[in-house]
N, C-alpha and C. Protein backbone atom coordinates (compact mmCIF):
# COMPACT_ATOMS: atom_id res chain seq x y z
N MET A 1 -0.33 14.75 14.35
CA MET A 1 -0.42 13.53 13.59
C MET A 1 -0.63 13.87 12.11
N LYS A 2 0.13 13.23 11.25
CA LYS A 2 0.00 13.47 9.83
C LYS A 2 -1.16 12.65 9.28
N ASN A 3 -1.76 13.16 8.21
CA ASN A 3 -2.77 12.39 7.51
C ASN A 3 -2.48 12.49 6.02
N GLY A 4 -3.27 11.83 5.22
CA GLY A 4 -3.04 11.80 3.79
C GLY A 4 -2.99 13.16 3.15
N ASN A 5 -3.73 14.12 3.68
CA ASN A 5 -3.76 15.45 3.10
C ASN A 5 -2.44 16.19 3.27
N ASP A 6 -1.65 15.82 4.28
CA ASP A 6 -0.36 16.46 4.50
C ASP A 6 0.63 16.14 3.38
N PHE A 7 0.34 15.12 2.59
CA PHE A 7 1.28 14.67 1.57
C PHE A 7 0.83 14.98 0.15
N ASN A 8 -0.24 15.75 -0.01
CA ASN A 8 -0.73 16.04 -1.35
C ASN A 8 0.25 16.87 -2.16
N SER A 9 1.11 17.64 -1.52
CA SER A 9 2.01 18.52 -2.26
C SER A 9 3.44 17.99 -2.32
N VAL A 10 3.67 16.75 -1.88
CA VAL A 10 5.02 16.18 -1.93
C VAL A 10 5.03 15.00 -2.90
N SER A 11 6.23 14.58 -3.25
CA SER A 11 6.41 13.44 -4.13
C SER A 11 5.80 12.18 -3.50
N PHE A 12 5.23 11.32 -4.33
CA PHE A 12 4.69 10.06 -3.84
C PHE A 12 5.79 9.23 -3.19
N LEU A 13 7.01 9.35 -3.70
CA LEU A 13 8.13 8.57 -3.20
C LEU A 13 8.89 9.25 -2.06
N ASP A 14 8.35 10.34 -1.53
CA ASP A 14 8.95 11.02 -0.39
C ASP A 14 9.02 10.06 0.79
N LYS A 15 10.14 10.07 1.50
CA LYS A 15 10.36 9.12 2.59
C LYS A 15 9.27 9.20 3.66
N GLU A 16 8.91 10.40 4.05
CA GLU A 16 7.87 10.56 5.08
C GLU A 16 6.51 10.07 4.57
N HIS A 17 6.24 10.31 3.30
CA HIS A 17 4.97 9.85 2.72
C HIS A 17 4.93 8.33 2.71
N LEU A 18 6.02 7.69 2.30
CA LEU A 18 6.04 6.23 2.26
C LEU A 18 5.93 5.63 3.66
N LYS A 19 6.55 6.28 4.63
CA LYS A 19 6.44 5.81 6.02
C LYS A 19 4.99 5.88 6.48
N TYR A 20 4.33 7.00 6.18
CA TYR A 20 2.91 7.14 6.53
C TYR A 20 2.08 6.09 5.80
N LEU A 21 2.34 5.92 4.52
CA LEU A 21 1.52 5.05 3.68
C LEU A 21 1.60 3.59 4.13
N TYR A 22 2.82 3.11 4.42
CA TYR A 22 3.03 1.69 4.68
C TYR A 22 3.14 1.29 6.15
N LEU A 23 3.32 2.26 7.04
CA LEU A 23 3.54 1.89 8.43
C LEU A 23 2.50 2.44 9.41
N SER A 24 1.60 3.28 8.95
CA SER A 24 0.62 3.88 9.84
C SER A 24 -0.81 3.45 9.48
N PRO A 25 -1.58 3.04 10.48
CA PRO A 25 -2.98 2.71 10.21
C PRO A 25 -3.90 3.93 10.31
N GLN A 26 -3.34 5.10 10.60
CA GLN A 26 -4.14 6.31 10.81
C GLN A 26 -4.47 7.00 9.49
N GLY A 27 -5.61 7.66 9.45
CA GLY A 27 -5.96 8.50 8.31
C GLY A 27 -6.67 7.76 7.20
N ARG A 28 -6.71 8.43 6.04
CA ARG A 28 -7.45 7.93 4.88
C ARG A 28 -6.57 8.05 3.63
N ILE A 29 -6.77 7.13 2.69
CA ILE A 29 -6.15 7.26 1.37
C ILE A 29 -7.21 7.00 0.32
N ASN A 30 -7.03 7.62 -0.83
CA ASN A 30 -8.00 7.45 -1.91
C ASN A 30 -7.64 6.23 -2.77
N ARG A 31 -8.45 5.99 -3.78
CA ARG A 31 -8.22 4.83 -4.66
C ARG A 31 -6.88 4.91 -5.37
N GLN A 32 -6.51 6.10 -5.79
CA GLN A 32 -5.26 6.27 -6.53
C GLN A 32 -4.06 5.86 -5.67
N ARG A 33 -4.07 6.26 -4.42
CA ARG A 33 -2.94 5.93 -3.55
C ARG A 33 -2.87 4.44 -3.23
N ILE A 34 -4.01 3.77 -3.09
CA ILE A 34 -3.94 2.33 -2.80
C ILE A 34 -3.41 1.58 -4.02
N TRP A 35 -3.81 2.01 -5.21
CA TRP A 35 -3.33 1.34 -6.42
C TRP A 35 -1.84 1.60 -6.65
N LEU A 36 -1.41 2.86 -6.50
CA LEU A 36 0.02 3.17 -6.67
C LEU A 36 0.86 2.53 -5.56
N GLY A 37 0.31 2.50 -4.34
CA GLY A 37 1.01 1.85 -3.23
C GLY A 37 1.16 0.35 -3.47
N GLY A 38 0.12 -0.28 -4.00
CA GLY A 38 0.19 -1.70 -4.33
C GLY A 38 1.16 -1.97 -5.47
N LEU A 39 1.17 -1.08 -6.46
CA LEU A 39 2.10 -1.22 -7.58
C LEU A 39 3.54 -1.14 -7.09
N LEU A 40 3.83 -0.20 -6.21
CA LEU A 40 5.17 -0.07 -5.67
C LEU A 40 5.57 -1.31 -4.88
N LEU A 41 4.64 -1.88 -4.11
CA LEU A 41 4.93 -3.12 -3.40
C LEU A 41 5.22 -4.26 -4.38
N GLY A 42 4.48 -4.30 -5.47
CA GLY A 42 4.73 -5.31 -6.49
C GLY A 42 6.11 -5.18 -7.10
N LEU A 43 6.55 -3.93 -7.28
CA LEU A 43 7.89 -3.70 -7.83
C LEU A 43 8.99 -4.13 -6.86
N VAL A 44 8.68 -4.21 -5.58
CA VAL A 44 9.62 -4.73 -4.59
C VAL A 44 9.55 -6.25 -4.56
N TRP A 45 8.36 -6.79 -4.73
CA TRP A 45 8.15 -8.24 -4.61
C TRP A 45 8.80 -9.01 -5.76
N ILE A 46 8.73 -8.49 -6.97
CA ILE A 46 9.26 -9.21 -8.14
C ILE A 46 10.75 -9.52 -7.98
N PRO A 47 11.63 -8.55 -7.65
CA PRO A 47 13.04 -8.90 -7.47
C PRO A 47 13.27 -9.84 -6.30
N THR A 48 12.41 -9.77 -5.28
CA THR A 48 12.54 -10.68 -4.15
C THR A 48 12.31 -12.12 -4.59
N VAL A 49 11.29 -12.34 -5.40
CA VAL A 49 10.99 -13.68 -5.91
C VAL A 49 12.12 -14.16 -6.81
N ILE A 50 12.62 -13.29 -7.66
CA ILE A 50 13.73 -13.66 -8.56
C ILE A 50 14.97 -14.03 -7.73
N ALA A 51 15.28 -13.23 -6.71
CA ALA A 51 16.43 -13.54 -5.86
C ALA A 51 16.24 -14.87 -5.14
N TYR A 52 15.03 -15.14 -4.68
CA TYR A 52 14.73 -16.40 -4.02
C TYR A 52 14.96 -17.59 -4.96
N VAL A 53 14.47 -17.48 -6.18
CA VAL A 53 14.63 -18.57 -7.15
C VAL A 53 16.10 -18.79 -7.47
N ILE A 54 16.85 -17.72 -7.68
CA ILE A 54 18.28 -17.85 -8.01
C ILE A 54 19.05 -18.44 -6.84
N LEU A 55 18.81 -17.93 -5.64
CA LEU A 55 19.51 -18.45 -4.46
C LEU A 55 19.16 -19.91 -4.20
N SER A 56 17.92 -20.29 -4.43
CA SER A 56 17.50 -21.69 -4.23
C SER A 56 18.16 -22.62 -5.24
N ALA A 57 18.40 -22.13 -6.44
CA ALA A 57 19.00 -22.96 -7.48
C ALA A 57 20.50 -23.14 -7.30
N ILE A 58 21.15 -22.20 -6.62
CA ILE A 58 22.61 -22.25 -6.50
C ILE A 58 23.08 -23.31 -5.51
N GLY A 59 22.49 -23.37 -4.34
CA GLY A 59 22.95 -24.36 -3.37
C GLY A 59 22.06 -24.38 -2.15
N SER A 60 22.30 -25.39 -1.29
CA SER A 60 21.41 -25.59 -0.14
C SER A 60 21.55 -24.48 0.90
N PHE A 61 22.78 -24.00 1.19
CA PHE A 61 22.92 -22.92 2.16
C PHE A 61 22.27 -21.65 1.64
N LEU A 62 22.50 -21.33 0.37
CA LEU A 62 21.91 -20.13 -0.22
C LEU A 62 20.40 -20.27 -0.34
N ALA A 63 19.91 -21.51 -0.44
CA ALA A 63 18.46 -21.72 -0.47
C ALA A 63 17.85 -21.28 0.85
N ILE A 64 18.55 -21.55 1.96
CA ILE A 64 18.07 -21.12 3.27
C ILE A 64 18.06 -19.59 3.35
N VAL A 65 19.12 -18.96 2.83
CA VAL A 65 19.17 -17.50 2.79
C VAL A 65 18.01 -16.97 1.95
N GLY A 66 17.75 -17.61 0.82
CA GLY A 66 16.65 -17.21 -0.06
C GLY A 66 15.30 -17.33 0.63
N ILE A 67 15.12 -18.41 1.37
CA ILE A 67 13.85 -18.61 2.10
C ILE A 67 13.69 -17.53 3.17
N LEU A 68 14.75 -17.25 3.90
CA LEU A 68 14.68 -16.21 4.93
C LEU A 68 14.38 -14.84 4.31
N LEU A 69 15.02 -14.54 3.19
CA LEU A 69 14.75 -13.29 2.48
C LEU A 69 13.29 -13.23 2.05
N PHE A 70 12.82 -14.31 1.44
CA PHE A 70 11.45 -14.40 0.95
C PHE A 70 10.44 -14.19 2.09
N ILE A 71 10.68 -14.85 3.22
CA ILE A 71 9.76 -14.75 4.36
C ILE A 71 9.79 -13.35 4.97
N SER A 72 10.99 -12.80 5.17
CA SER A 72 11.08 -11.49 5.83
C SER A 72 10.48 -10.39 4.96
N VAL A 73 10.76 -10.41 3.66
CA VAL A 73 10.16 -9.41 2.77
C VAL A 73 8.65 -9.62 2.68
N GLY A 74 8.23 -10.87 2.65
CA GLY A 74 6.80 -11.18 2.60
C GLY A 74 6.04 -10.67 3.81
N ILE A 75 6.63 -10.82 4.99
CA ILE A 75 5.99 -10.31 6.21
C ILE A 75 5.91 -8.79 6.17
N GLY A 76 7.00 -8.15 5.77
CA GLY A 76 7.00 -6.70 5.67
C GLY A 76 5.97 -6.20 4.68
N MET A 77 5.85 -6.89 3.56
CA MET A 77 4.87 -6.48 2.55
C MET A 77 3.44 -6.73 3.02
N ALA A 78 3.22 -7.80 3.78
CA ALA A 78 1.88 -8.06 4.31
C ALA A 78 1.46 -6.95 5.27
N ILE A 79 2.40 -6.50 6.11
CA ILE A 79 2.10 -5.40 7.03
C ILE A 79 1.80 -4.12 6.25
N ALA A 80 2.61 -3.83 5.24
CA ALA A 80 2.41 -2.63 4.43
C ALA A 80 1.05 -2.68 3.72
N GLU A 81 0.71 -3.83 3.16
CA GLU A 81 -0.58 -3.97 2.47
C GLU A 81 -1.74 -3.82 3.45
N LEU A 82 -1.57 -4.36 4.65
CA LEU A 82 -2.58 -4.22 5.68
C LEU A 82 -2.83 -2.74 6.01
N MET A 83 -1.75 -1.97 6.16
CA MET A 83 -1.89 -0.54 6.45
C MET A 83 -2.59 0.20 5.31
N LEU A 84 -2.29 -0.17 4.07
CA LEU A 84 -2.97 0.45 2.92
C LEU A 84 -4.47 0.20 2.99
N PHE A 85 -4.85 -1.05 3.24
CA PHE A 85 -6.28 -1.39 3.25
C PHE A 85 -7.01 -0.82 4.46
N VAL A 86 -6.32 -0.70 5.60
CA VAL A 86 -6.96 -0.07 6.76
C VAL A 86 -7.28 1.38 6.44
N LYS A 87 -6.33 2.10 5.88
CA LYS A 87 -6.57 3.51 5.53
C LYS A 87 -7.63 3.63 4.44
N ARG A 88 -7.66 2.68 3.54
CA ARG A 88 -8.69 2.71 2.49
C ARG A 88 -10.07 2.44 3.09
N ALA A 89 -10.15 1.52 4.06
CA ALA A 89 -11.43 1.27 4.76
C ALA A 89 -11.87 2.54 5.48
N HIS A 90 -10.92 3.26 6.06
CA HIS A 90 -11.25 4.54 6.72
C HIS A 90 -11.84 5.52 5.72
N ASP A 91 -11.33 5.53 4.49
CA ASP A 91 -11.85 6.45 3.48
C ASP A 91 -13.31 6.13 3.15
N ARG A 92 -13.70 4.88 3.28
CA ARG A 92 -15.09 4.48 3.06
C ARG A 92 -15.91 4.58 4.34
N ASN A 93 -15.31 5.15 5.41
CA ASN A 93 -15.93 5.34 6.72
C ASN A 93 -16.23 4.02 7.43
N HIS A 94 -15.31 3.07 7.26
CA HIS A 94 -15.38 1.80 7.98
C HIS A 94 -14.22 1.73 8.96
N SER A 95 -14.39 0.96 10.01
CA SER A 95 -13.30 0.69 10.93
C SER A 95 -12.23 -0.14 10.21
N GLY A 96 -11.02 -0.10 10.71
CA GLY A 96 -9.96 -0.94 10.15
C GLY A 96 -10.27 -2.42 10.25
N TRP A 97 -11.09 -2.77 11.23
CA TRP A 97 -11.48 -4.18 11.40
C TRP A 97 -12.31 -4.67 10.21
N TYR A 98 -12.83 -3.76 9.45
CA TYR A 98 -13.64 -4.10 8.28
C TYR A 98 -12.87 -5.01 7.31
N ILE A 99 -11.55 -4.84 7.26
CA ILE A 99 -10.78 -5.64 6.30
C ILE A 99 -10.79 -7.12 6.63
N LEU A 100 -11.19 -7.48 7.85
CA LEU A 100 -11.33 -8.90 8.17
C LEU A 100 -12.40 -9.55 7.28
N LEU A 101 -13.39 -8.76 6.86
CA LEU A 101 -14.43 -9.29 5.98
C LEU A 101 -13.86 -9.71 4.62
N THR A 102 -12.74 -9.09 4.22
CA THR A 102 -12.14 -9.43 2.93
C THR A 102 -11.50 -10.82 2.95
N MET A 103 -11.34 -11.40 4.14
CA MET A 103 -10.70 -12.70 4.25
C MET A 103 -11.69 -13.86 4.24
N ILE A 104 -12.98 -13.55 4.19
CA ILE A 104 -13.99 -14.60 4.15
C ILE A 104 -13.98 -15.21 2.74
N PRO A 105 -13.82 -16.53 2.64
CA PRO A 105 -13.78 -17.15 1.31
C PRO A 105 -15.04 -16.82 0.49
N LEU A 106 -14.85 -16.62 -0.76
CA LEU A 106 -15.86 -16.33 -1.77
C LEU A 106 -16.51 -14.95 -1.64
N ILE A 107 -17.10 -14.62 -0.50
CA ILE A 107 -17.77 -13.32 -0.41
C ILE A 107 -16.80 -12.19 -0.04
N GLY A 108 -15.61 -12.54 0.40
CA GLY A 108 -14.61 -11.53 0.74
C GLY A 108 -14.23 -10.68 -0.46
N ILE A 109 -14.33 -11.25 -1.65
CA ILE A 109 -13.99 -10.51 -2.87
C ILE A 109 -14.88 -9.28 -3.04
N ILE A 110 -16.13 -9.38 -2.60
CA ILE A 110 -17.05 -8.24 -2.70
C ILE A 110 -16.52 -7.06 -1.88
N PHE A 111 -16.04 -7.35 -0.67
CA PHE A 111 -15.51 -6.30 0.19
C PHE A 111 -14.19 -5.75 -0.36
N GLN A 112 -13.37 -6.62 -0.96
CA GLN A 112 -12.13 -6.15 -1.58
C GLN A 112 -12.43 -5.23 -2.75
N LEU A 113 -13.38 -5.61 -3.58
CA LEU A 113 -13.75 -4.78 -4.73
C LEU A 113 -14.28 -3.42 -4.27
N GLU A 114 -15.03 -3.41 -3.19
CA GLU A 114 -15.52 -2.13 -2.66
C GLU A 114 -14.36 -1.21 -2.31
N LEU A 115 -13.37 -1.76 -1.60
CA LEU A 115 -12.24 -0.94 -1.17
C LEU A 115 -11.38 -0.49 -2.35
N LEU A 116 -11.29 -1.30 -3.38
CA LEU A 116 -10.43 -0.97 -4.51
C LEU A 116 -11.08 -0.04 -5.53
N PHE A 117 -12.40 -0.11 -5.66
CA PHE A 117 -13.04 0.59 -6.78
C PHE A 117 -14.04 1.68 -6.41
N LEU A 118 -14.65 1.61 -5.24
CA LEU A 118 -15.67 2.61 -4.91
C LEU A 118 -15.04 3.85 -4.30
N LYS A 119 -15.60 4.99 -4.65
CA LYS A 119 -15.11 6.28 -4.15
C LYS A 119 -15.33 6.37 -2.65
N GLY A 120 -14.42 7.01 -1.96
CA GLY A 120 -14.55 7.23 -0.52
C GLY A 120 -15.51 8.37 -0.23
N ASN A 121 -15.75 8.61 1.06
CA ASN A 121 -16.62 9.72 1.46
C ASN A 121 -16.00 11.03 1.02
N SER A 122 -16.81 11.91 0.46
CA SER A 122 -16.27 13.19 -0.01
C SER A 122 -16.22 14.24 1.09
N ASP A 123 -16.74 13.93 2.25
CA ASP A 123 -16.71 14.85 3.39
C ASP A 123 -15.74 14.32 4.43
N THR A 124 -15.50 15.14 5.43
CA THR A 124 -14.73 14.68 6.58
C THR A 124 -15.56 13.60 7.28
N ASN A 125 -14.90 12.50 7.65
CA ASN A 125 -15.61 11.44 8.36
C ASN A 125 -14.90 11.17 9.69
N ASP A 126 -15.22 10.08 10.33
CA ASP A 126 -14.64 9.76 11.64
C ASP A 126 -13.13 9.59 11.60
N TYR A 127 -12.56 9.41 10.41
CA TYR A 127 -11.14 9.10 10.28
C TYR A 127 -10.32 10.22 9.67
N GLY A 128 -10.93 11.35 9.39
CA GLY A 128 -10.17 12.49 8.90
C GLY A 128 -10.82 13.15 7.70
N MET A 129 -10.06 14.09 7.12
CA MET A 129 -10.54 14.84 5.96
C MET A 129 -10.49 13.98 4.70
N ASP A 130 -11.23 14.42 3.71
CA ASP A 130 -11.22 13.78 2.40
C ASP A 130 -9.79 13.82 1.85
N PRO A 131 -9.19 12.66 1.50
CA PRO A 131 -7.81 12.67 1.01
C PRO A 131 -7.66 13.33 -0.36
N ASN A 132 -8.77 13.61 -1.04
CA ASN A 132 -8.69 14.27 -2.34
C ASN A 132 -8.54 15.78 -2.20
N LEU A 133 -8.71 16.30 -0.99
CA LEU A 133 -8.56 17.74 -0.78
C LEU A 133 -7.09 18.09 -0.65
N GLY A 134 -6.70 19.19 -1.17
CA GLY A 134 -5.31 19.62 -1.05
C GLY A 134 -4.85 20.29 -2.33
N PRO A 135 -3.66 20.85 -2.31
CA PRO A 135 -3.20 21.62 -3.45
C PRO A 135 -2.84 20.79 -4.67
N LEU A 136 -2.55 19.50 -4.50
CA LEU A 136 -2.08 18.72 -5.63
C LEU A 136 -2.48 17.26 -5.45
N LEU A 137 -3.11 16.70 -6.45
CA LEU A 137 -3.38 15.28 -6.44
C LEU A 137 -2.23 14.57 -7.12
N LEU A 138 -2.09 13.30 -6.83
CA LEU A 138 -1.00 12.53 -7.43
C LEU A 138 -1.16 12.41 -8.92
N ASN A 139 -0.09 12.55 -9.63
CA ASN A 139 -0.08 12.41 -11.08
C ASN A 139 0.64 11.10 -11.40
N PRO A 140 -0.07 10.08 -11.93
CA PRO A 140 0.58 8.80 -12.19
C PRO A 140 1.79 8.92 -13.11
N GLN A 141 1.72 9.79 -14.10
CA GLN A 141 2.85 9.97 -14.99
C GLN A 141 4.05 10.50 -14.21
N SER A 142 3.81 11.44 -13.32
CA SER A 142 4.85 11.99 -12.47
C SER A 142 5.42 10.89 -11.55
N PHE A 143 4.56 9.99 -11.07
CA PHE A 143 5.00 8.89 -10.22
C PHE A 143 6.04 8.05 -10.93
N PHE A 144 5.80 7.69 -12.21
CA PHE A 144 6.74 6.86 -12.93
C PHE A 144 8.03 7.61 -13.23
N HIS A 145 7.94 8.91 -13.49
CA HIS A 145 9.15 9.71 -13.68
C HIS A 145 10.00 9.73 -12.40
N GLN A 146 9.33 9.89 -11.26
CA GLN A 146 10.03 9.89 -9.97
C GLN A 146 10.66 8.54 -9.71
N LEU A 147 9.93 7.47 -10.01
CA LEU A 147 10.43 6.12 -9.78
C LEU A 147 11.67 5.85 -10.62
N LEU A 148 11.63 6.23 -11.88
CA LEU A 148 12.77 6.01 -12.77
C LEU A 148 13.96 6.89 -12.37
N ALA A 149 13.69 8.07 -11.85
CA ALA A 149 14.78 8.98 -11.46
C ALA A 149 15.50 8.48 -10.22
N THR A 150 14.82 7.71 -9.36
CA THR A 150 15.46 7.24 -8.13
C THR A 150 16.18 5.92 -8.31
N THR A 151 15.97 5.24 -9.43
CA THR A 151 16.63 3.95 -9.64
C THR A 151 17.89 4.08 -10.42
């Protein structure tokens, strides 16, 4: 089974890394990976919203296509975001079920802020090794260079 440490020496945009990041609830990710992962999801969401607005404005049949596109991409992104937060909860040594606390109105924001801003356990915990260990940490500048090179 792969964990976050297996991907420290590969590109953030590596296909296997993205599959692990967005489709697997196993392992741990650090703050940097949840922020970059969320940014990448946002870069997918913006064109989806633009396409939805354009298709809705053109005609009624295309509006239905736009709605279906919007819903299907939205569901996929919700699953991907869920996997990011489960792995981030693991980094703080919480069960994946912990993210249910983030859905409580008003006080849920406290739990979200914990997952987004507080450092994870620096030792091996119940969910794996410290994701900061490994030969190479992610370089945000390198991430943007990789992103621009693939588009």
